[in-house]
Amino acid sequence: MVEVFKTNVDLVEQSDIICARLLNLFPNLQINFDLDDCDRILRVQGKMIQVHKIISELNAIGFACEVLD
């Protein structure tokens, strides 16, 4: 299963911190960013993806995040 999120993350440093934080919570997921995309894509792959929790985690540290349709 793959979920793709639109974010407002701009910097590689920010994406590294977010990936580390999410991997700490969800160690069985594969998580990466595509900051070159206009939607600043966060891509999450794995068996059990908790969409609302991922969105809440990014929102809690001041970033916008929504599922990309």
Protein backbone atom coordinates (compact mmCIF):
# COMPACT_ATOMS: atom_id res chain seq x y z
CA MET A 1 0.00 0.00 0.00
CA VAL A 2 1.24 3.49 -0.85
CA GLU A 3 -0.10 6.82 0.39
CA VAL A 4 0.99 10.14 -1.09
CA PHE A 5 0.66 13.39 0.84
CA LYS A 6 0.93 17.02 -0.24
CA THR A 7 3.00 19.07 2.23
CA ASN A 8 4.59 22.48 2.61
CA VAL A 9 8.01 21.11 3.61
CA ASP A 10 10.67 23.11 1.76
CA LEU A 11 14.06 22.08 3.09
CA VAL A 12 15.95 18.78 3.00
CA GLU A 13 16.84 19.30 6.65
CA GLN A 14 13.14 19.54 7.53
CA SER A 15 12.32 16.42 5.53
CA ASP A 16 15.12 14.49 7.26
CA ILE A 17 13.77 15.42 10.70
CA ILE A 18 10.21 14.51 9.70
CA CYS A 19 11.27 11.17 8.22
CA ALA A 20 13.21 10.30 11.37
CA ARG A 21 10.26 11.26 13.56
CA LEU A 22 7.79 9.23 11.48
CA LEU A 23 10.12 6.22 11.27
CA ASN A 24 10.43 6.30 15.05
CA LEU A 25 6.63 6.01 15.28
CA PHE A 26 6.20 3.67 12.32
CA PRO A 27 9.40 1.61 11.94
CA ASN A 28 7.86 -0.80 9.43
CA LEU A 29 7.07 1.89 6.85
CA GLN A 30 9.18 3.26 4.03
CA ILE A 31 9.02 7.05 4.08
CA ASN A 32 10.54 9.63 1.73
CA PHE A 33 10.02 13.10 0.32
CA ASP A 34 10.11 14.48 -3.21
CA LEU A 35 10.78 18.16 -2.59
CA ASP A 36 11.34 18.81 -6.31
CA ASP A 37 7.64 18.16 -6.94
CA CYS A 38 5.42 21.25 -6.73
CA ASP A 39 3.33 19.51 -4.03
CA ARG A 40 6.37 18.69 -1.85
CA ILE A 41 5.37 15.03 -1.83
CA LEU A 42 5.63 12.81 1.23
CA ARG A 43 5.41 9.18 0.09
CA VAL A 44 4.67 6.44 2.62
CA GLN A 45 4.73 2.76 1.78
CA GLY A 46 3.84 -0.22 3.96
CA LYS A 47 1.11 -2.58 5.10
CA MET A 48 -0.60 -0.51 7.80
CA ILE A 49 -0.51 3.24 7.11
CA GLN A 50 -2.24 5.39 9.71
CA VAL A 51 -3.08 8.36 7.49
CA HIS A 52 -4.66 10.52 10.19
CA LYS A 53 -1.77 9.97 12.60
CA ILE A 54 0.79 10.94 9.94
CA ILE A 55 -1.15 14.12 9.14
CA SER A 56 -1.46 14.91 12.88
CA GLU A 57 2.28 14.44 13.42
CA LEU A 58 3.18 16.89 10.66
CA ASN A 59 0.54 19.37 11.82
CA ALA A 60 1.85 19.14 15.41
CA ILE A 61 5.28 20.38 14.30
CA GLY A 62 3.87 23.16 12.14
CA PHE A 63 3.59 21.66 8.65
CA ALA A 64 0.61 21.31 6.36
CA CYS A 65 -0.13 17.78 5.20
CA GLU A 66 -3.03 16.29 3.29
CA VAL A 67 -3.66 13.17 1.23
CA LEU A 68 -2.99 13.86 -2.44
CA ASP A 69 -5.76 12.51 -4.68
